[in-house]
Amino acid sequence: MNLDKTAEIGALLAGTGLEVLCLADLPGAKAPEETGATLAENSLLKARAARDASGITSLADDTGLEVDALDGAPGVYSSRFAGLGASYDDNCRLLLERLRGLPLERRTARFRCVIALAFTDGSETIVEGVVEGRILESRRGAGGFGYDPLFEPLGSGRTYAEMPLEEKNRLSHRALAVRQAAEALRERLGDGS
């Protein structure tokens, strides 16, 4: 359960009338082990677990940073790139170490966010947001979380960590996916799902 993601999703859904909870808000609920081979598989595992624990339509996100020079790594293992229980700092440090000496033009990457919606009738929807960018040679900015101080979206000239939250929430991979998820929820809200 990533409380940073929960807060970001909550901010993105502000004003929609939807209440954002995380598994920690549900007594006895536990996050499933992320055994999926893809972001979509992991987001579905988590959305189903939340729906089953809560009895309500649930949303779950799995996000990965895909670095071309690392053949798409860390990808599905982004949160545990430096090992189970790794901190944001540990993961950033390992990424910088793996890319040491690589010129900026070869540091292309993308953030991919996959959101799964698990409806109470058993149906499911998957949406995705992708932002292309590059990994810088050192951290910049104090905002955000995870790899935000290293990831510079194409054309922005700034990392996610250098952007005010409102700006990041307009253009990020998660913002793109959450907007699609919100639209899917709006389409279904009238039928009791």
N, C-alpha and C. Protein backbone atom coordinates (compact mmCIF):
# COMPACT_ATOMS: atom_id res chain seq x y z
N MET A 1 0.84 -1.17 0.00
CA MET A 1 0.00 0.00 0.00
C MET A 1 0.88 1.24 0.00
N ASN A 2 0.85 1.94 -1.08
CA ASN A 2 1.68 3.13 -1.22
C ASN A 2 0.83 4.35 -0.92
N LEU A 3 1.04 4.94 0.25
CA LEU A 3 0.23 6.09 0.66
C LEU A 3 0.50 7.31 -0.20
N ASP A 4 1.70 7.41 -0.79
CA ASP A 4 1.98 8.52 -1.71
C ASP A 4 1.09 8.43 -2.94
N LYS A 5 0.94 7.21 -3.48
CA LYS A 5 0.06 7.03 -4.64
C LYS A 5 -1.39 7.32 -4.25
N THR A 6 -1.81 6.84 -3.09
CA THR A 6 -3.18 7.08 -2.64
C THR A 6 -3.46 8.57 -2.55
N ALA A 7 -2.53 9.33 -1.99
CA ALA A 7 -2.71 10.78 -1.88
C ALA A 7 -2.77 11.43 -3.26
N GLU A 8 -1.91 10.99 -4.17
CA GLU A 8 -1.89 11.57 -5.51
C GLU A 8 -3.19 11.26 -6.25
N ILE A 9 -3.66 10.02 -6.14
CA ILE A 9 -4.91 9.64 -6.80
C ILE A 9 -6.07 10.42 -6.18
N GLY A 10 -6.06 10.57 -4.85
CA GLY A 10 -7.09 11.35 -4.18
C GLY A 10 -7.14 12.79 -4.69
N ALA A 11 -5.97 13.39 -4.87
CA ALA A 11 -5.91 14.76 -5.39
C ALA A 11 -6.43 14.81 -6.82
N LEU A 12 -6.11 13.81 -7.61
CA LEU A 12 -6.57 13.77 -9.00
C LEU A 12 -8.07 13.59 -9.11
N LEU A 13 -8.66 12.91 -8.13
CA LEU A 13 -10.11 12.66 -8.16
C LEU A 13 -10.91 13.67 -7.33
N ALA A 14 -10.22 14.66 -6.76
CA ALA A 14 -10.91 15.68 -5.97
C ALA A 14 -11.98 16.35 -6.82
N GLY A 15 -13.12 16.57 -6.22
CA GLY A 15 -14.21 17.23 -6.92
C GLY A 15 -15.09 16.31 -7.73
N THR A 16 -14.77 15.02 -7.76
CA THR A 16 -15.59 14.07 -8.53
C THR A 16 -16.72 13.49 -7.71
N GLY A 17 -16.66 13.68 -6.39
CA GLY A 17 -17.66 13.07 -5.52
C GLY A 17 -17.30 11.66 -5.11
N LEU A 18 -16.17 11.17 -5.57
CA LEU A 18 -15.73 9.82 -5.20
C LEU A 18 -14.87 9.89 -3.95
N GLU A 19 -15.06 8.93 -3.07
CA GLU A 19 -14.25 8.85 -1.86
C GLU A 19 -13.09 7.89 -2.13
N VAL A 20 -11.87 8.33 -1.85
CA VAL A 20 -10.70 7.49 -2.08
C VAL A 20 -10.24 6.90 -0.75
N LEU A 21 -10.24 5.58 -0.71
CA LEU A 21 -9.76 4.84 0.46
C LEU A 21 -8.61 3.96 0.00
N CYS A 22 -7.80 3.52 0.94
CA CYS A 22 -6.80 2.51 0.59
C CYS A 22 -7.05 1.29 1.47
N LEU A 23 -6.40 0.20 1.17
CA LEU A 23 -6.62 -1.03 1.93
C LEU A 23 -6.39 -0.83 3.42
N ALA A 24 -5.49 0.07 3.78
CA ALA A 24 -5.22 0.34 5.20
C ALA A 24 -6.46 0.88 5.91
N ASP A 25 -7.42 1.43 5.15
CA ASP A 25 -8.65 1.95 5.73
C ASP A 25 -9.67 0.86 6.00
N LEU A 26 -9.41 -0.35 5.52
CA LEU A 26 -10.35 -1.46 5.67
C LEU A 26 -9.80 -2.45 6.69
N PRO A 27 -10.47 -2.58 7.84
CA PRO A 27 -9.98 -3.49 8.88
C PRO A 27 -9.77 -4.91 8.35
N GLY A 28 -8.59 -5.43 8.59
CA GLY A 28 -8.27 -6.80 8.20
C GLY A 28 -7.88 -7.00 6.75
N ALA A 29 -8.00 -5.98 5.92
CA ALA A 29 -7.65 -6.12 4.51
C ALA A 29 -6.14 -6.14 4.35
N LYS A 30 -5.67 -6.97 3.44
CA LYS A 30 -4.24 -7.06 3.18
C LYS A 30 -3.97 -6.92 1.69
N ALA A 31 -2.88 -6.27 1.38
CA ALA A 31 -2.47 -6.13 -0.02
C ALA A 31 -1.99 -7.49 -0.51
N PRO A 32 -2.39 -7.87 -1.72
CA PRO A 32 -1.92 -9.13 -2.26
C PRO A 32 -0.45 -9.04 -2.67
N GLU A 33 0.20 -10.16 -2.73
CA GLU A 33 1.56 -10.20 -3.24
C GLU A 33 1.52 -9.87 -4.73
N GLU A 34 2.42 -9.02 -5.17
CA GLU A 34 2.44 -8.62 -6.58
C GLU A 34 3.22 -9.67 -7.37
N THR A 35 2.50 -10.70 -7.78
CA THR A 35 3.12 -11.82 -8.49
C THR A 35 2.95 -11.73 -10.00
N GLY A 36 2.28 -10.69 -10.48
CA GLY A 36 2.06 -10.55 -11.91
C GLY A 36 3.34 -10.27 -12.67
N ALA A 37 3.36 -10.70 -13.91
CA ALA A 37 4.52 -10.46 -14.77
C ALA A 37 4.43 -9.11 -15.47
N THR A 38 3.26 -8.47 -15.38
CA THR A 38 3.06 -7.18 -16.03
C THR A 38 2.40 -6.21 -15.06
N LEU A 39 2.45 -4.94 -15.40
CA LEU A 39 1.77 -3.92 -14.60
C LEU A 39 0.27 -4.19 -14.57
N ALA A 40 -0.30 -4.59 -15.70
CA ALA A 40 -1.74 -4.87 -15.77
C ALA A 40 -2.11 -6.02 -14.84
N GLU A 41 -1.33 -7.07 -14.85
CA GLU A 41 -1.63 -8.21 -13.97
C GLU A 41 -1.58 -7.80 -12.51
N ASN A 42 -0.58 -7.02 -12.12
CA ASN A 42 -0.48 -6.58 -10.73
C ASN A 42 -1.61 -5.64 -10.34
N SER A 43 -1.98 -4.73 -11.24
CA SER A 43 -3.07 -3.81 -10.90
C SER A 43 -4.38 -4.57 -10.75
N LEU A 44 -4.59 -5.59 -11.58
CA LEU A 44 -5.80 -6.41 -11.45
C LEU A 44 -5.80 -7.19 -10.13
N LEU A 45 -4.66 -7.76 -9.76
CA LEU A 45 -4.58 -8.47 -8.48
C LEU A 45 -4.99 -7.56 -7.33
N LYS A 46 -4.48 -6.34 -7.34
CA LYS A 46 -4.76 -5.39 -6.26
C LYS A 46 -6.20 -4.89 -6.30
N ALA A 47 -6.74 -4.60 -7.48
CA ALA A 47 -8.12 -4.12 -7.59
C ALA A 47 -9.10 -5.20 -7.14
N ARG A 48 -8.85 -6.44 -7.53
CA ARG A 48 -9.73 -7.54 -7.11
C ARG A 48 -9.68 -7.73 -5.60
N ALA A 49 -8.49 -7.66 -5.03
CA ALA A 49 -8.35 -7.82 -3.58
C ALA A 49 -9.10 -6.71 -2.84
N ALA A 50 -9.00 -5.48 -3.34
CA ALA A 50 -9.70 -4.36 -2.71
C ALA A 50 -11.21 -4.53 -2.84
N ARG A 51 -11.67 -4.93 -4.02
CA ARG A 51 -13.11 -5.15 -4.22
C ARG A 51 -13.61 -6.25 -3.29
N ASP A 52 -12.85 -7.35 -3.21
CA ASP A 52 -13.28 -8.47 -2.38
C ASP A 52 -13.29 -8.11 -0.90
N ALA A 53 -12.34 -7.29 -0.48
CA ALA A 53 -12.26 -6.88 0.94
C ALA A 53 -13.32 -5.85 1.30
N SER A 54 -13.68 -5.02 0.33
CA SER A 54 -14.59 -3.89 0.62
C SER A 54 -16.02 -4.12 0.19
N GLY A 55 -16.22 -4.96 -0.83
CA GLY A 55 -17.55 -5.15 -1.38
C GLY A 55 -18.00 -4.01 -2.28
N ILE A 56 -17.07 -3.13 -2.65
CA ILE A 56 -17.40 -2.01 -3.53
C ILE A 56 -16.46 -2.00 -4.73
N THR A 57 -16.88 -1.31 -5.77
CA THR A 57 -16.03 -1.14 -6.94
C THR A 57 -14.70 -0.56 -6.49
N SER A 58 -13.61 -1.13 -7.00
CA SER A 58 -12.28 -0.74 -6.53
C SER A 58 -11.35 -0.45 -7.69
N LEU A 59 -10.40 0.41 -7.42
CA LEU A 59 -9.40 0.85 -8.38
C LEU A 59 -8.03 0.55 -7.80
N ALA A 60 -7.13 0.08 -8.64
CA ALA A 60 -5.74 -0.13 -8.19
C ALA A 60 -4.81 0.26 -9.32
N ASP A 61 -3.65 0.74 -8.91
CA ASP A 61 -2.63 1.22 -9.85
C ASP A 61 -1.38 0.39 -9.69
N ASP A 62 -0.73 0.12 -10.79
CA ASP A 62 0.64 -0.37 -10.75
C ASP A 62 1.40 0.46 -11.76
N THR A 63 2.53 0.97 -11.33
CA THR A 63 3.29 1.90 -12.13
C THR A 63 4.71 1.41 -12.28
N GLY A 64 5.27 1.59 -13.46
CA GLY A 64 6.65 1.19 -13.68
C GLY A 64 7.40 2.24 -14.47
N LEU A 65 8.67 2.35 -14.15
CA LEU A 65 9.59 3.18 -14.92
C LEU A 65 10.34 2.25 -15.85
N GLU A 66 10.26 2.48 -17.15
CA GLU A 66 10.92 1.64 -18.14
C GLU A 66 12.07 2.42 -18.77
N VAL A 67 13.28 1.95 -18.54
CA VAL A 67 14.48 2.61 -19.05
C VAL A 67 15.00 1.81 -20.24
N ASP A 68 15.07 2.45 -21.40
CA ASP A 68 15.46 1.74 -22.62
C ASP A 68 16.85 1.12 -22.51
N ALA A 69 17.81 1.83 -21.94
CA ALA A 69 19.18 1.32 -21.83
C ALA A 69 19.27 0.11 -20.89
N LEU A 70 18.24 -0.11 -20.09
CA LEU A 70 18.20 -1.26 -19.19
C LEU A 70 17.18 -2.30 -19.66
N ASP A 71 16.89 -2.27 -20.97
CA ASP A 71 15.94 -3.20 -21.57
C ASP A 71 14.58 -3.18 -20.89
N GLY A 72 14.14 -1.98 -20.49
CA GLY A 72 12.83 -1.82 -19.88
C GLY A 72 12.80 -1.92 -18.36
N ALA A 73 13.93 -2.24 -17.76
CA ALA A 73 13.99 -2.30 -16.30
C ALA A 73 13.99 -0.87 -15.75
N PRO A 74 13.56 -0.66 -14.55
CA PRO A 74 13.07 -1.64 -13.59
C PRO A 74 11.66 -2.14 -13.86
N GLY A 75 10.86 -1.44 -14.66
CA GLY A 75 9.56 -1.93 -15.09
C GLY A 75 8.67 -2.36 -13.94
N VAL A 76 8.17 -3.59 -14.02
CA VAL A 76 7.24 -4.11 -13.02
C VAL A 76 7.88 -4.18 -11.63
N TYR A 77 9.20 -4.13 -11.57
CA TYR A 77 9.92 -4.20 -10.29
C TYR A 77 10.36 -2.82 -9.79
N SER A 78 9.77 -1.75 -10.30
CA SER A 78 10.21 -0.39 -9.98
C SER A 78 10.26 -0.11 -8.49
N SER A 79 9.25 -0.53 -7.75
CA SER A 79 9.22 -0.21 -6.32
C SER A 79 10.19 -1.06 -5.52
N ARG A 80 10.65 -2.15 -6.09
CA ARG A 80 11.58 -3.04 -5.39
C ARG A 80 12.85 -3.29 -6.22
N PHE A 81 13.21 -2.29 -7.02
CA PHE A 81 14.38 -2.39 -7.90
C PHE A 81 15.64 -2.71 -7.12
N ALA A 82 15.81 -2.07 -5.98
CA ALA A 82 17.00 -2.30 -5.14
C ALA A 82 16.76 -3.39 -4.09
N GLY A 83 15.67 -4.12 -4.24
CA GLY A 83 15.35 -5.22 -3.33
C GLY A 83 14.08 -4.97 -2.56
N LEU A 84 13.53 -6.03 -1.97
CA LEU A 84 12.33 -5.91 -1.15
C LEU A 84 12.59 -4.95 -0.01
N GLY A 85 11.65 -4.08 0.25
CA GLY A 85 11.80 -3.11 1.32
C GLY A 85 12.70 -1.94 0.98
N ALA A 86 13.11 -1.84 -0.29
CA ALA A 86 13.98 -0.73 -0.71
C ALA A 86 13.24 0.59 -0.57
N SER A 87 13.98 1.63 -0.19
CA SER A 87 13.42 2.98 -0.09
C SER A 87 13.46 3.64 -1.46
N TYR A 88 12.77 4.77 -1.58
CA TYR A 88 12.85 5.55 -2.81
C TYR A 88 14.31 5.90 -3.09
N ASP A 89 15.03 6.29 -2.06
CA ASP A 89 16.43 6.67 -2.21
C ASP A 89 17.27 5.50 -2.71
N ASP A 90 17.04 4.30 -2.16
CA ASP A 90 17.78 3.11 -2.60
C ASP A 90 17.56 2.85 -4.08
N ASN A 91 16.31 2.94 -4.51
CA ASN A 91 15.99 2.68 -5.92
C ASN A 91 16.61 3.72 -6.84
N CYS A 92 16.56 4.99 -6.45
CA CYS A 92 17.17 6.05 -7.26
C CYS A 92 18.68 5.87 -7.35
N ARG A 93 19.28 5.54 -6.24
CA ARG A 93 20.74 5.35 -6.21
C ARG A 93 21.15 4.20 -7.14
N LEU A 94 20.42 3.09 -7.10
CA LEU A 94 20.75 1.96 -7.97
C LEU A 94 20.55 2.33 -9.44
N LEU A 95 19.49 3.05 -9.74
CA LEU A 95 19.25 3.46 -11.13
C LEU A 95 20.40 4.34 -11.63
N LEU A 96 20.81 5.31 -10.83
CA LEU A 96 21.93 6.17 -11.22
C LEU A 96 23.21 5.36 -11.40
N GLU A 97 23.42 4.40 -10.54
CA GLU A 97 24.61 3.55 -10.65
C GLU A 97 24.59 2.75 -11.95
N ARG A 98 23.44 2.19 -12.29
CA ARG A 98 23.32 1.38 -13.51
C ARG A 98 23.48 2.20 -14.78
N LEU A 99 23.17 3.49 -14.70
CA LEU A 99 23.26 4.35 -15.89
C LEU A 99 24.52 5.22 -15.90
N ARG A 100 25.37 5.04 -14.91
CA ARG A 100 26.58 5.87 -14.80
C ARG A 100 27.37 5.85 -16.11
N GLY A 101 27.76 7.04 -16.56
CA GLY A 101 28.57 7.18 -17.77
C GLY A 101 27.77 7.18 -19.06
N LEU A 102 26.50 6.91 -19.01
CA LEU A 102 25.66 6.89 -20.21
C LEU A 102 25.24 8.32 -20.55
N PRO A 103 25.45 8.76 -21.79
CA PRO A 103 25.07 10.14 -22.15
C PRO A 103 23.56 10.33 -22.10
N LEU A 104 23.13 11.57 -21.91
CA LEU A 104 21.70 11.89 -21.77
C LEU A 104 20.86 11.36 -22.94
N GLU A 105 21.39 11.42 -24.14
CA GLU A 105 20.60 10.98 -25.30
C GLU A 105 20.32 9.47 -25.27
N ARG A 106 21.04 8.72 -24.44
CA ARG A 106 20.80 7.28 -24.33
C ARG A 106 20.06 6.92 -23.04
N ARG A 107 19.54 7.93 -22.34
CA ARG A 107 18.84 7.71 -21.08
C ARG A 107 17.32 7.84 -21.25
N THR A 108 16.83 7.46 -22.41
CA THR A 108 15.39 7.55 -22.67
C THR A 108 14.63 6.57 -21.78
N ALA A 109 13.45 7.00 -21.38
CA ALA A 109 12.64 6.19 -20.47
C ALA A 109 11.20 6.64 -20.58
N ARG A 110 10.34 5.88 -19.94
CA ARG A 110 8.94 6.27 -19.86
C ARG A 110 8.39 5.79 -18.53
N PHE A 111 7.44 6.55 -18.02
CA PHE A 111 6.66 6.13 -16.87
C PHE A 111 5.36 5.58 -17.42
N ARG A 112 5.00 4.39 -16.99
CA ARG A 112 3.76 3.75 -17.42
C ARG A 112 2.92 3.47 -16.18
N CYS A 113 1.69 3.93 -16.18
CA CYS A 113 0.75 3.69 -15.08
C CYS A 113 -0.44 2.91 -15.63
N VAL A 114 -0.69 1.75 -15.05
CA VAL A 114 -1.83 0.94 -15.43
C VAL A 114 -2.80 0.91 -14.24
N ILE A 115 -4.03 1.28 -14.51
CA ILE A 115 -5.07 1.27 -13.48
C ILE A 115 -6.10 0.23 -13.87
N ALA A 116 -6.43 -0.61 -12.89
CA ALA A 116 -7.49 -1.60 -13.06
C ALA A 116 -8.67 -1.19 -12.21
N LEU A 117 -9.84 -1.34 -12.77
CA LEU A 117 -11.09 -1.15 -12.05
C LEU A 117 -11.75 -2.52 -11.94
N ALA A 118 -12.09 -2.92 -10.72
CA ALA A 118 -12.80 -4.18 -10.49
C ALA A 118 -14.19 -3.83 -9.98
N PHE A 119 -15.20 -4.08 -10.80
CA PHE A 119 -16.57 -3.74 -10.48
C PHE A 119 -17.23 -4.87 -9.69
N THR A 120 -18.26 -4.52 -8.95
CA THR A 120 -18.92 -5.50 -8.09
C THR A 120 -19.63 -6.59 -8.88
N ASP A 121 -19.93 -6.36 -10.14
CA ASP A 121 -20.57 -7.40 -10.96
C ASP A 121 -19.55 -8.37 -11.56
N GLY A 122 -18.27 -8.19 -11.21
CA GLY A 122 -17.22 -9.08 -11.70
C GLY A 122 -16.53 -8.58 -12.95
N SER A 123 -17.06 -7.54 -13.58
CA SER A 123 -16.40 -7.01 -14.78
C SER A 123 -15.20 -6.17 -14.37
N GLU A 124 -14.31 -5.98 -15.32
CA GLU A 124 -13.06 -5.26 -15.05
C GLU A 124 -12.70 -4.38 -16.24
N THR A 125 -12.04 -3.29 -15.95
CA THR A 125 -11.56 -2.37 -16.98
C THR A 125 -10.12 -2.02 -16.66
N ILE A 126 -9.30 -1.94 -17.69
CA ILE A 126 -7.90 -1.55 -17.53
C ILE A 126 -7.64 -0.34 -18.42
N VAL A 127 -6.99 0.67 -17.83
CA VAL A 127 -6.59 1.87 -18.58
C VAL A 127 -5.11 2.12 -18.32
N GLU A 128 -4.51 2.91 -19.19
CA GLU A 128 -3.07 3.14 -19.08
C GLU A 128 -2.70 4.57 -19.45
N GLY A 129 -1.75 5.12 -18.72
CA GLY A 129 -1.17 6.41 -19.05
C GLY A 129 0.33 6.27 -19.19
N VAL A 130 0.90 6.88 -20.22
CA VAL A 130 2.33 6.76 -20.49
C VAL A 130 2.89 8.16 -20.76
N VAL A 131 4.03 8.46 -20.16
CA VAL A 131 4.74 9.71 -20.42
C VAL A 131 6.19 9.37 -20.75
N GLU A 132 6.63 9.84 -21.91
CA GLU A 132 8.02 9.62 -22.34
C GLU A 132 8.91 10.69 -21.71
N GLY A 133 10.16 10.32 -21.49
CA GLY A 133 11.11 11.26 -20.91
C GLY A 133 12.51 10.69 -20.91
N ARG A 134 13.30 11.17 -19.94
CA ARG A 134 14.66 10.67 -19.81
C ARG A 134 15.06 10.71 -18.34
N ILE A 135 16.09 9.95 -18.04
CA ILE A 135 16.63 9.89 -16.68
C ILE A 135 17.85 10.80 -16.62
N LEU A 136 17.83 11.73 -15.69
CA LEU A 136 18.93 12.67 -15.55
C LEU A 136 20.13 12.00 -14.87
N GLU A 137 21.27 12.69 -14.88
CA GLU A 137 22.49 12.14 -14.27
C GLU A 137 22.55 12.37 -12.77
N SER A 138 21.69 13.25 -12.26
CA SER A 138 21.60 13.48 -10.82
C SER A 138 20.20 13.96 -10.49
N ARG A 139 19.85 13.88 -9.24
CA ARG A 139 18.51 14.27 -8.79
C ARG A 139 18.33 15.78 -8.84
N ARG A 140 17.08 16.17 -9.18
CA ARG A 140 16.72 17.59 -9.15
C ARG A 140 15.31 17.71 -8.59
N GLY A 141 15.15 18.63 -7.65
CA GLY A 141 13.84 18.91 -7.09
C GLY A 141 13.59 18.20 -5.79
N ALA A 142 12.66 18.74 -5.03
CA ALA A 142 12.36 18.21 -3.70
C ALA A 142 10.94 17.66 -3.59
N GLY A 143 10.14 17.79 -4.62
CA GLY A 143 8.75 17.32 -4.55
C GLY A 143 8.61 15.89 -5.01
N GLY A 144 7.38 15.44 -5.02
CA GLY A 144 7.07 14.12 -5.54
C GLY A 144 7.60 12.99 -4.68
N PHE A 145 7.73 11.82 -5.30
CA PHE A 145 8.22 10.63 -4.62
C PHE A 145 8.78 9.67 -5.64
N GLY A 146 9.39 8.62 -5.17
CA GLY A 146 9.93 7.60 -6.06
C GLY A 146 11.04 8.15 -6.95
N TYR A 147 10.90 7.92 -8.23
CA TYR A 147 11.91 8.34 -9.21
C TYR A 147 11.69 9.77 -9.71
N ASP A 148 10.74 10.50 -9.14
CA ASP A 148 10.40 11.85 -9.61
C ASP A 148 11.61 12.78 -9.73
N PRO A 149 12.61 12.74 -8.82
CA PRO A 149 13.74 13.66 -8.96
C PRO A 149 14.67 13.32 -10.13
N LEU A 150 14.50 12.16 -10.72
CA LEU A 150 15.37 11.73 -11.83
C LEU A 150 14.68 11.77 -13.19
N PHE A 151 13.36 11.79 -13.21
CA PHE A 151 12.61 11.68 -14.46
C PHE A 151 12.19 13.05 -14.97
N GLU A 152 12.65 13.36 -16.19
CA GLU A 152 12.29 14.61 -16.85
C GLU A 152 11.41 14.29 -18.06
N PRO A 153 10.11 14.62 -18.00
CA PRO A 153 9.25 14.38 -19.16
C PRO A 153 9.75 15.16 -20.37
N LEU A 154 9.63 14.57 -21.54
CA LEU A 154 10.08 15.22 -22.77
C LEU A 154 9.48 16.62 -22.91
N GLY A 155 10.33 17.56 -23.23
CA GLY A 155 9.89 18.93 -23.49
C GLY A 155 9.62 19.77 -22.26
N SER A 156 9.73 19.20 -21.07
CA SER A 156 9.38 19.96 -19.87
C SER A 156 10.56 20.77 -19.33
N GLY A 157 11.78 20.26 -19.48
CA GLY A 157 12.94 20.94 -18.93
C GLY A 157 13.05 20.83 -17.42
N ARG A 158 12.11 20.11 -16.80
CA ARG A 158 12.11 19.94 -15.34
C ARG A 158 11.70 18.52 -15.00
N THR A 159 12.18 18.07 -13.85
CA THR A 159 11.75 16.76 -13.36
C THR A 159 10.37 16.89 -12.72
N TYR A 160 9.72 15.75 -12.53
CA TYR A 160 8.45 15.76 -11.78
C TYR A 160 8.66 16.39 -10.41
N ALA A 161 9.81 16.14 -9.80
CA ALA A 161 10.09 16.65 -8.45
C ALA A 161 10.27 18.17 -8.43
N GLU A 162 10.53 18.78 -9.58
CA GLU A 162 10.67 20.24 -9.66
C GLU A 162 9.35 20.94 -9.97
N MET A 163 8.34 20.17 -10.30
CA MET A 163 7.05 20.74 -10.69
C MET A 163 6.15 20.90 -9.47
N PRO A 164 5.36 21.97 -9.44
CA PRO A 164 4.32 22.04 -8.42
C PRO A 164 3.37 20.85 -8.62
N LEU A 165 2.79 20.35 -7.55
CA LEU A 165 1.91 19.19 -7.62
C LEU A 165 0.80 19.38 -8.64
N GLU A 166 0.24 20.58 -8.72
CA GLU A 166 -0.86 20.82 -9.66
C GLU A 166 -0.39 20.60 -11.10
N GLU A 167 0.84 21.00 -11.41
CA GLU A 167 1.36 20.81 -12.76
C GLU A 167 1.62 19.33 -13.04
N LYS A 168 2.27 18.66 -12.09
CA LYS A 168 2.51 17.23 -12.26
C LYS A 168 1.19 16.50 -12.46
N ASN A 169 0.17 16.89 -11.70
CA ASN A 169 -1.12 16.22 -11.78
C ASN A 169 -1.91 16.56 -13.05
N ARG A 170 -1.40 17.46 -13.85
CA ARG A 170 -2.01 17.71 -15.15
C ARG A 170 -1.41 16.83 -16.24
N LEU A 171 -0.10 16.50 -16.10
CA LEU A 171 0.57 15.85 -17.23
C LEU A 171 1.20 14.49 -16.93
N SER A 172 1.13 14.02 -15.71
CA SER A 172 1.83 12.77 -15.38
C SER A 172 1.15 11.54 -15.96
N HIS A 173 1.88 10.46 -15.98
CA HIS A 173 1.39 9.15 -16.39
C HIS A 173 0.19 8.75 -15.54
N ARG A 174 0.26 9.01 -14.23
CA ARG A 174 -0.85 8.65 -13.34
C ARG A 174 -2.06 9.53 -13.62
N ALA A 175 -1.83 10.81 -13.87
CA ALA A 175 -2.94 11.71 -14.19
C ALA A 175 -3.67 11.24 -15.45
N LEU A 176 -2.91 10.85 -16.46
CA LEU A 176 -3.52 10.36 -17.70
C LEU A 176 -4.37 9.12 -17.45
N ALA A 177 -3.86 8.19 -16.65
CA ALA A 177 -4.59 6.96 -16.36
C ALA A 177 -5.79 7.24 -15.46
N VAL A 178 -5.63 8.09 -14.46
CA VAL A 178 -6.74 8.39 -13.54
C VAL A 178 -7.88 9.07 -14.29
N ARG A 179 -7.58 9.96 -15.22
CA ARG A 179 -8.65 10.61 -16.00
C ARG A 179 -9.46 9.57 -16.77
N GLN A 180 -8.77 8.59 -17.36
CA GLN A 180 -9.48 7.53 -18.07
C GLN A 180 -10.30 6.67 -17.12
N ALA A 181 -9.73 6.36 -15.94
CA ALA A 181 -10.44 5.56 -14.95
C ALA A 181 -11.68 6.30 -14.45
N ALA A 182 -11.54 7.60 -14.22
CA ALA A 182 -12.68 8.40 -13.75
C ALA A 182 -13.80 8.40 -14.79
N GLU A 183 -13.43 8.47 -16.06
CA GLU A 183 -14.43 8.43 -17.12
C GLU A 183 -15.13 7.07 -17.13
N ALA A 184 -14.38 6.00 -16.98
CA ALA A 184 -14.98 4.66 -16.93
C ALA A 184 -15.91 4.53 -15.72
N LEU A 185 -15.53 5.12 -14.59
CA LEU A 185 -16.38 5.09 -13.40
C LEU A 185 -17.66 5.90 -13.64
N ARG A 186 -17.53 7.09 -14.24
CA ARG A 186 -18.71 7.91 -14.53
C ARG A 186 -19.70 7.14 -15.42
N GLU A 187 -19.17 6.41 -16.39
CA GLU A 187 -20.04 5.65 -17.29
C GLU A 187 -20.79 4.56 -16.55
N ARG A 188 -20.20 4.03 -15.47
CA ARG A 188 -20.79 2.91 -14.74
C ARG A 188 -21.57 3.32 -13.49
N LEU A 189 -21.38 4.53 -12.96
CA LEU A 189 -21.99 4.92 -11.69
C LEU A 189 -23.50 4.79 -11.67
N GLY A 190 -24.14 5.03 -12.77
CA GLY A 190 -25.60 4.99 -12.81
C GLY A 190 -26.19 3.61 -12.69
N ASP A 191 -25.36 2.55 -12.86
CA ASP A 191 -25.96 1.20 -12.83
C ASP A 191 -25.70 0.43 -11.55
N GLY A 192 -25.21 1.13 -10.50
CA GLY A 192 -25.04 0.48 -9.20
C GLY A 192 -23.80 -0.36 -9.05
N SER A 193 -22.88 -0.29 -10.01
CA SER A 193 -21.66 -1.08 -9.90
C SER A 193 -20.70 -0.41 -8.97
